[in-house]
Amino acid sequence: MSETQLTGNADTNKLLLVIIAILLPPLAVGLKAGMGTSLLINIILWILFYIPGLIHALYVILK
């Protein structure tokens, strides 16, 4: 595989995670960070208010 193909796959994965984060933020955080404190924080934020959960999910995915 060339470096261009590997970079393209990473960009595609990130784009798919952003789409999932818009629909269901805890799922995107779980896929990116695994079971841990980030997921727990995101679930709490998402239950309380949707927008903070979305912002946290985008932060975890794009950092």
C-alpha atoms as a PDB file:
ATOM      1  CA  MET A   1       0.000   0.000   0.000  1.00  0.00           C
ATOM      2  CA  SER A   2       1.186   3.457  -0.744  1.00  0.00           C
ATOM      3  CA  GLU A   3       1.279   6.282   1.783  1.00  0.00           C
ATOM      4  CA  THR A   4      -1.541   8.059  -0.078  1.00  0.00           C
ATOM      5  CA  GLN A   5      -3.860   5.093   0.380  1.00  0.00           C
ATOM      6  CA  LEU A   6      -3.082   4.887   4.089  1.00  0.00           C
ATOM      7  CA  THR A   7      -3.746   8.604   4.568  1.00  0.00           C
ATOM      8  CA  GLY A   8      -6.982   8.293   2.606  1.00  0.00           C
ATOM      9  CA  ASN A   9      -8.159   5.485   4.873  1.00  0.00           C
ATOM     10  CA  ALA A  10      -7.417   7.556   7.975  1.00  0.00           C
ATOM     11  CA  ASP A  11      -9.345  10.509   6.545  1.00  0.00           C
ATOM     12  CA  THR A  12     -12.263   8.256   5.622  1.00  0.00           C
ATOM     13  CA  ASN A  13     -12.332   6.718   9.095  1.00  0.00           C
ATOM     14  CA  LYS A  14     -12.284  10.165  10.705  1.00  0.00           C
ATOM     15  CA  LEU A  15     -15.123  11.333   8.440  1.00  0.00           C
ATOM     16  CA  LEU A  16     -17.221   8.295   9.330  1.00  0.00           C
ATOM     17  CA  LEU A  17     -16.586   8.871  13.035  1.00  0.00           C
ATOM     18  CA  VAL A  18     -17.703  12.513  12.690  1.00  0.00           C
ATOM     19  CA  ILE A  19     -20.931  11.378  10.993  1.00  0.00           C
ATOM     20  CA  ILE A  20     -21.526   8.816  13.752  1.00  0.00           C
ATOM     21  CA  ALA A  21     -20.774  11.505  16.370  1.00  0.00           C
ATOM     22  CA  ILE A  22     -23.501  13.714  14.924  1.00  0.00           C
ATOM     23  CA  LEU A  23     -26.016  10.881  15.143  1.00  0.00           C
ATOM     24  CA  LEU A  24     -24.904   9.183  18.379  1.00  0.00           C
ATOM     25  CA  PRO A  25     -21.944  10.802  20.176  1.00  0.00           C
ATOM     26  CA  PRO A  26     -21.243   8.044  22.765  1.00  0.00           C
ATOM     27  CA  LEU A  27     -20.918   5.439  20.018  1.00  0.00           C
ATOM     28  CA  ALA A  28     -18.299   7.512  18.201  1.00  0.00           C
ATOM     29  CA  VAL A  29     -16.324   8.086  21.407  1.00  0.00           C
ATOM     30  CA  GLY A  30     -16.530   4.402  22.246  1.00  0.00           C
ATOM     31  CA  LEU A  31     -15.219   3.441  18.828  1.00  0.00           C
ATOM     32  CA  LYS A  32     -12.381   5.967  18.984  1.00  0.00           C
ATOM     33  CA  ALA A  33     -11.288   5.888  22.635  1.00  0.00           C
ATOM     34  CA  GLY A  34     -12.636   2.550  23.845  1.00  0.00           C
ATOM     35  CA  MET A  35     -14.213   1.872  27.219  1.00  0.00           C
ATOM     36  CA  GLY A  36     -12.837   4.453  29.612  1.00  0.00           C
ATOM     37  CA  THR A  37     -13.298   7.810  31.215  1.00  0.00           C
ATOM     38  CA  SER A  38     -13.852   9.606  27.888  1.00  0.00           C
ATOM     39  CA  LEU A  39     -16.805   7.366  27.149  1.00  0.00           C
ATOM     40  CA  LEU A  40     -18.265   7.819  30.629  1.00  0.00           C
ATOM     41  CA  ILE A  41     -17.912  11.609  30.441  1.00  0.00           C
ATOM     42  CA  ASN A  42     -19.525  11.640  27.021  1.00  0.00           C
ATOM     43  CA  ILE A  43     -22.484   9.521  28.118  1.00  0.00           C
ATOM     44  CA  ILE A  44     -23.130  11.855  31.057  1.00  0.00           C
ATOM     45  CA  LEU A  45     -22.873  14.953  28.848  1.00  0.00           C
ATOM     46  CA  TRP A  46     -25.061  13.354  26.193  1.00  0.00           C
ATOM     47  CA  ILE A  47     -27.770  12.373  28.696  1.00  0.00           C
ATOM     48  CA  LEU A  48     -27.840  15.840  30.239  1.00  0.00           C
ATOM     49  CA  PHE A  49     -27.656  17.806  26.999  1.00  0.00           C
ATOM     50  CA  TYR A  50     -27.069  16.713  23.416  1.00  0.00           C
ATOM     51  CA  ILE A  51     -24.818  19.602  22.301  1.00  0.00           C
ATOM     52  CA  PRO A  52     -22.108  19.233  25.005  1.00  0.00           C
ATOM     53  CA  GLY A  53     -21.968  15.514  24.255  1.00  0.00           C
ATOM     54  CA  LEU A  54     -21.574  16.271  20.556  1.00  0.00           C
ATOM     55  CA  ILE A  55     -18.823  18.836  21.192  1.00  0.00           C
ATOM     56  CA  HIS A  56     -16.969  16.409  23.472  1.00  0.00           C
ATOM     57  CA  ALA A  57     -17.262  13.623  20.885  1.00  0.00           C
ATOM     58  CA  LEU A  58     -15.894  15.867  18.140  1.00  0.00           C
ATOM     59  CA  TYR A  59     -13.034  16.915  20.437  1.00  0.00           C
ATOM     60  CA  VAL A  60     -12.114  13.282  21.158  1.00  0.00           C
ATOM     61  CA  ILE A  61     -12.283  12.323  17.481  1.00  0.00           C
ATOM     62  CA  LEU A  62     -10.406  15.302  16.056  1.00  0.00           C
ATOM     63  CA  LYS A  63      -7.647  15.746  18.669  1.00  0.00           C
END
